[in-house]
N, C-alpha and C. Protein backbone atom coordinates (compact mmCIF):
# COMPACT_ATOMS: atom_id res chain seq x y z
N MET A 1 -14.99 -11.88 -2.68
CA MET A 1 -13.74 -11.44 -3.26
C MET A 1 -13.95 -10.94 -4.69
N GLU A 2 -14.91 -11.49 -5.41
CA GLU A 2 -15.15 -11.01 -6.76
C GLU A 2 -15.59 -9.56 -6.76
N GLN A 3 -16.36 -9.15 -5.77
CA GLN A 3 -16.86 -7.79 -5.71
C GLN A 3 -15.79 -6.80 -5.30
N GLN A 4 -14.87 -7.22 -4.43
CA GLN A 4 -13.80 -6.34 -3.95
C GLN A 4 -12.49 -7.13 -3.88
N PRO A 5 -11.89 -7.41 -5.04
CA PRO A 5 -10.72 -8.29 -5.07
C PRO A 5 -9.49 -7.75 -4.37
N THR A 6 -9.43 -6.47 -4.08
CA THR A 6 -8.26 -5.92 -3.41
C THR A 6 -8.47 -5.74 -1.91
N ASP A 7 -9.61 -6.18 -1.40
CA ASP A 7 -9.92 -6.03 0.03
C ASP A 7 -9.16 -7.09 0.83
N GLU A 8 -8.08 -6.67 1.49
CA GLU A 8 -7.24 -7.62 2.22
C GLU A 8 -7.97 -8.25 3.40
N ASN A 9 -8.89 -7.53 4.03
CA ASN A 9 -9.65 -8.10 5.15
C ASN A 9 -10.53 -9.25 4.68
N ARG A 10 -11.19 -9.05 3.53
CA ARG A 10 -12.02 -10.13 2.99
C ARG A 10 -11.17 -11.33 2.60
N ALA A 11 -10.00 -11.07 2.03
CA ALA A 11 -9.10 -12.16 1.65
C ALA A 11 -8.68 -12.94 2.88
N GLN A 12 -8.37 -12.25 3.96
CA GLN A 12 -7.97 -12.92 5.19
C GLN A 12 -9.11 -13.76 5.75
N LEU A 13 -10.32 -13.21 5.75
CA LEU A 13 -11.49 -13.97 6.23
C LEU A 13 -11.75 -15.20 5.37
N LEU A 14 -11.60 -15.06 4.05
CA LEU A 14 -11.78 -16.19 3.17
C LEU A 14 -10.73 -17.25 3.45
N SER A 15 -9.50 -16.84 3.66
CA SER A 15 -8.42 -17.77 3.97
C SER A 15 -8.71 -18.55 5.25
N ILE A 16 -9.19 -17.85 6.27
CA ILE A 16 -9.52 -18.49 7.54
C ILE A 16 -10.67 -19.49 7.34
N ALA A 17 -11.69 -19.08 6.60
CA ALA A 17 -12.83 -19.97 6.36
C ALA A 17 -12.41 -21.22 5.58
N LEU A 18 -11.57 -21.05 4.58
CA LEU A 18 -11.11 -22.20 3.80
C LEU A 18 -10.26 -23.13 4.66
N ALA A 19 -9.41 -22.58 5.50
CA ALA A 19 -8.57 -23.40 6.36
C ALA A 19 -9.42 -24.18 7.37
N ALA A 20 -10.43 -23.52 7.92
CA ALA A 20 -11.32 -24.20 8.88
C ALA A 20 -12.08 -25.33 8.21
N ARG A 21 -12.59 -25.06 7.01
CA ARG A 21 -13.32 -26.10 6.29
C ARG A 21 -12.41 -27.26 5.94
N ALA A 22 -11.19 -26.96 5.51
CA ALA A 22 -10.23 -28.00 5.16
C ALA A 22 -9.86 -28.84 6.38
N ALA A 23 -9.76 -28.21 7.55
CA ALA A 23 -9.44 -28.94 8.78
C ALA A 23 -10.55 -29.90 9.17
N ALA A 24 -11.78 -29.55 8.83
CA ALA A 24 -12.92 -30.36 9.22
C ALA A 24 -13.33 -31.38 8.16
N ASP A 25 -12.81 -31.27 6.94
CA ASP A 25 -13.27 -32.11 5.83
C ASP A 25 -12.07 -32.50 4.96
N ALA A 26 -11.63 -33.74 5.10
CA ALA A 26 -10.45 -34.21 4.37
C ALA A 26 -10.65 -34.15 2.85
N GLY A 27 -11.85 -34.43 2.38
CA GLY A 27 -12.13 -34.37 0.95
C GLY A 27 -12.01 -32.94 0.43
N PHE A 28 -12.53 -32.00 1.20
CA PHE A 28 -12.41 -30.59 0.83
C PHE A 28 -10.94 -30.16 0.86
N ALA A 29 -10.21 -30.61 1.87
CA ALA A 29 -8.79 -30.26 1.98
C ALA A 29 -8.01 -30.76 0.76
N ALA A 30 -8.29 -31.97 0.31
CA ALA A 30 -7.61 -32.53 -0.86
C ALA A 30 -7.96 -31.73 -2.11
N ALA A 31 -9.24 -31.39 -2.27
CA ALA A 31 -9.68 -30.62 -3.44
C ALA A 31 -9.07 -29.22 -3.40
N LEU A 32 -9.00 -28.62 -2.23
CA LEU A 32 -8.42 -27.29 -2.10
C LEU A 32 -6.93 -27.31 -2.43
N GLU A 33 -6.23 -28.34 -1.99
CA GLU A 33 -4.80 -28.45 -2.30
C GLU A 33 -4.58 -28.64 -3.80
N THR A 34 -5.41 -29.43 -4.45
CA THR A 34 -5.32 -29.61 -5.90
C THR A 34 -5.55 -28.28 -6.62
N TRP A 35 -6.60 -27.57 -6.21
CA TRP A 35 -6.89 -26.27 -6.81
C TRP A 35 -5.72 -25.30 -6.61
N HIS A 36 -5.16 -25.30 -5.40
CA HIS A 36 -4.07 -24.38 -5.09
C HIS A 36 -2.84 -24.70 -5.95
N ARG A 37 -2.51 -25.95 -6.10
CA ARG A 37 -1.38 -26.37 -6.94
C ARG A 37 -1.59 -25.93 -8.39
N GLN A 38 -2.80 -26.11 -8.90
CA GLN A 38 -3.09 -25.69 -10.28
C GLN A 38 -3.05 -24.17 -10.41
N ALA A 39 -3.56 -23.44 -9.43
CA ALA A 39 -3.58 -21.98 -9.48
C ALA A 39 -2.17 -21.42 -9.47
N ARG A 40 -1.27 -22.03 -8.72
CA ARG A 40 0.12 -21.55 -8.68
C ARG A 40 0.80 -21.69 -10.03
N GLN A 41 0.39 -22.65 -10.83
CA GLN A 41 0.96 -22.81 -12.17
C GLN A 41 0.47 -21.72 -13.12
N VAL A 42 -0.75 -21.28 -12.92
CA VAL A 42 -1.34 -20.26 -13.78
C VAL A 42 -0.96 -18.86 -13.34
N VAL A 43 -0.98 -18.61 -12.05
CA VAL A 43 -0.68 -17.29 -11.50
C VAL A 43 0.45 -17.45 -10.49
N PRO A 44 1.69 -17.24 -10.92
CA PRO A 44 2.79 -17.41 -9.97
C PRO A 44 2.72 -16.37 -8.85
N ALA A 45 3.32 -16.68 -7.73
CA ALA A 45 3.34 -15.77 -6.59
C ALA A 45 3.97 -14.45 -7.00
N THR A 46 3.41 -13.34 -6.54
CA THR A 46 3.91 -12.04 -6.93
C THR A 46 5.23 -11.71 -6.26
N ALA A 47 5.59 -12.42 -5.20
CA ALA A 47 6.83 -12.12 -4.50
C ALA A 47 8.04 -12.72 -5.19
N THR A 48 7.82 -13.55 -6.18
CA THR A 48 8.95 -14.19 -6.85
C THR A 48 8.85 -13.95 -8.34
N GLY A 49 9.89 -14.27 -9.04
CA GLY A 49 9.85 -14.18 -10.50
C GLY A 49 10.34 -12.84 -11.00
N SER A 50 10.41 -12.74 -12.29
CA SER A 50 10.87 -11.52 -12.93
C SER A 50 10.34 -11.48 -14.35
N THR A 51 10.65 -10.42 -15.03
CA THR A 51 10.31 -10.33 -16.44
C THR A 51 11.59 -10.15 -17.23
N SER A 52 11.52 -10.52 -18.47
CA SER A 52 12.67 -10.34 -19.36
C SER A 52 12.13 -10.08 -20.75
N THR A 53 12.70 -9.12 -21.43
CA THR A 53 12.26 -8.79 -22.77
C THR A 53 13.46 -8.71 -23.69
N HIS A 54 13.35 -9.35 -24.82
CA HIS A 54 14.39 -9.26 -25.85
C HIS A 54 13.69 -8.89 -27.15
N ILE A 55 14.05 -7.76 -27.72
CA ILE A 55 13.44 -7.30 -28.96
C ILE A 55 14.56 -7.16 -29.98
N SER A 56 14.37 -7.78 -31.14
CA SER A 56 15.38 -7.64 -32.18
C SER A 56 14.69 -7.45 -33.52
N GLY A 57 15.44 -7.05 -34.50
CA GLY A 57 14.87 -6.86 -35.83
C GLY A 57 14.48 -5.41 -36.03
N GLY A 58 13.61 -5.19 -36.99
CA GLY A 58 13.19 -3.84 -37.37
C GLY A 58 12.28 -3.21 -36.35
N HIS A 59 11.53 -2.26 -36.81
CA HIS A 59 10.61 -1.49 -35.96
C HIS A 59 9.61 -2.42 -35.31
N GLN A 60 9.45 -2.30 -34.01
CA GLN A 60 8.55 -3.17 -33.27
C GLN A 60 7.24 -2.49 -32.89
N GLY A 61 7.17 -1.20 -33.00
CA GLY A 61 5.97 -0.50 -32.55
C GLY A 61 5.99 -0.37 -31.04
N ASN A 62 4.83 -0.29 -30.44
CA ASN A 62 4.75 -0.13 -28.98
C ASN A 62 5.09 -1.45 -28.30
N VAL A 63 5.86 -1.36 -27.23
CA VAL A 63 6.22 -2.53 -26.45
C VAL A 63 6.06 -2.18 -24.98
N VAL A 64 5.44 -3.07 -24.23
CA VAL A 64 5.29 -2.89 -22.79
C VAL A 64 5.76 -4.16 -22.13
N THR A 65 6.63 -4.01 -21.15
CA THR A 65 7.05 -5.13 -20.32
C THR A 65 6.67 -4.81 -18.89
N THR A 66 5.99 -5.72 -18.26
CA THR A 66 5.57 -5.48 -16.89
C THR A 66 5.48 -6.80 -16.16
N ARG A 67 5.44 -6.74 -14.86
CA ARG A 67 5.26 -7.94 -14.06
C ARG A 67 3.99 -7.76 -13.25
N ASP A 68 4.05 -7.11 -12.14
CA ASP A 68 2.86 -6.93 -11.32
C ASP A 68 2.26 -5.57 -11.60
N VAL A 69 0.99 -5.55 -11.91
CA VAL A 69 0.29 -4.29 -12.15
C VAL A 69 -0.88 -4.24 -11.19
N PHE A 70 -0.95 -3.19 -10.41
CA PHE A 70 -2.05 -2.99 -9.50
C PHE A 70 -2.74 -1.72 -9.94
N GLY A 71 -3.91 -1.85 -10.54
CA GLY A 71 -4.61 -0.71 -11.08
C GLY A 71 -4.77 -0.89 -12.58
N GLY A 72 -5.28 0.11 -13.22
CA GLY A 72 -5.58 0.01 -14.65
C GLY A 72 -4.41 0.38 -15.54
N MET A 73 -4.49 -0.09 -16.75
CA MET A 73 -3.56 0.31 -17.80
C MET A 73 -4.41 0.63 -19.01
N ASN A 74 -4.07 1.70 -19.71
CA ASN A 74 -4.85 2.12 -20.86
C ASN A 74 -3.91 2.30 -22.04
N PHE A 75 -4.21 1.64 -23.14
CA PHE A 75 -3.42 1.74 -24.35
C PHE A 75 -4.32 2.27 -25.45
N GLY A 76 -4.60 3.55 -25.37
CA GLY A 76 -5.47 4.18 -26.34
C GLY A 76 -4.87 5.47 -26.83
N GLN A 77 -5.71 6.32 -27.32
CA GLN A 77 -5.26 7.63 -27.76
C GLN A 77 -4.79 8.44 -26.58
N PRO A 78 -3.72 9.22 -26.74
CA PRO A 78 -3.28 10.06 -25.63
C PRO A 78 -4.34 11.10 -25.29
N ALA A 79 -4.35 11.50 -24.05
CA ALA A 79 -5.32 12.51 -23.61
C ALA A 79 -5.02 13.83 -24.30
N SER A 80 -6.06 14.60 -24.54
CA SER A 80 -5.90 15.93 -25.11
C SER A 80 -5.21 16.82 -24.09
N PRO A 81 -4.37 17.74 -24.57
CA PRO A 81 -3.74 18.65 -23.61
C PRO A 81 -4.79 19.50 -22.92
N PRO A 82 -4.52 19.91 -21.67
CA PRO A 82 -5.51 20.71 -20.97
C PRO A 82 -5.73 22.05 -21.68
N VAL A 83 -6.94 22.53 -21.59
CA VAL A 83 -7.27 23.83 -22.19
C VAL A 83 -6.72 24.91 -21.28
N GLN A 84 -5.97 25.81 -21.87
CA GLN A 84 -5.39 26.93 -21.11
C GLN A 84 -6.47 28.00 -20.90
N PRO A 85 -6.38 28.69 -19.78
CA PRO A 85 -7.36 29.77 -19.55
C PRO A 85 -7.35 30.76 -20.71
N GLY A 86 -8.53 31.13 -21.16
CA GLY A 86 -8.66 32.09 -22.26
C GLY A 86 -8.70 31.43 -23.62
N GLN A 87 -8.45 30.10 -23.71
CA GLN A 87 -8.51 29.39 -24.99
C GLN A 87 -9.89 28.77 -25.15
N PRO A 88 -10.42 28.76 -26.35
CA PRO A 88 -11.73 28.10 -26.55
C PRO A 88 -11.55 26.59 -26.50
N ASN A 89 -12.59 25.90 -26.00
CA ASN A 89 -12.58 24.43 -26.03
C ASN A 89 -12.81 23.97 -27.46
N SER A 90 -12.09 22.95 -27.90
CA SER A 90 -12.30 22.47 -29.26
C SER A 90 -13.00 21.15 -29.26
């Protein structure tokens, strides 16, 4: 999963393997349940929850409010405008 974290097939296979191991090993099942409970506190389920932003006072500068992001986000210099045909590259 570390190599391909968005691969749903790998995630499903991992889920099946963990469930099988937990069914065969009570100690592993208890440790897995503890890990799962702790993980839910750190990373809430994406199907629930919301975001809320309250900004007050003077100039705040750039502000981004988001909940689930799938893919990259870039907060850098804006891209240069495309070079029009017949214009020299600068």
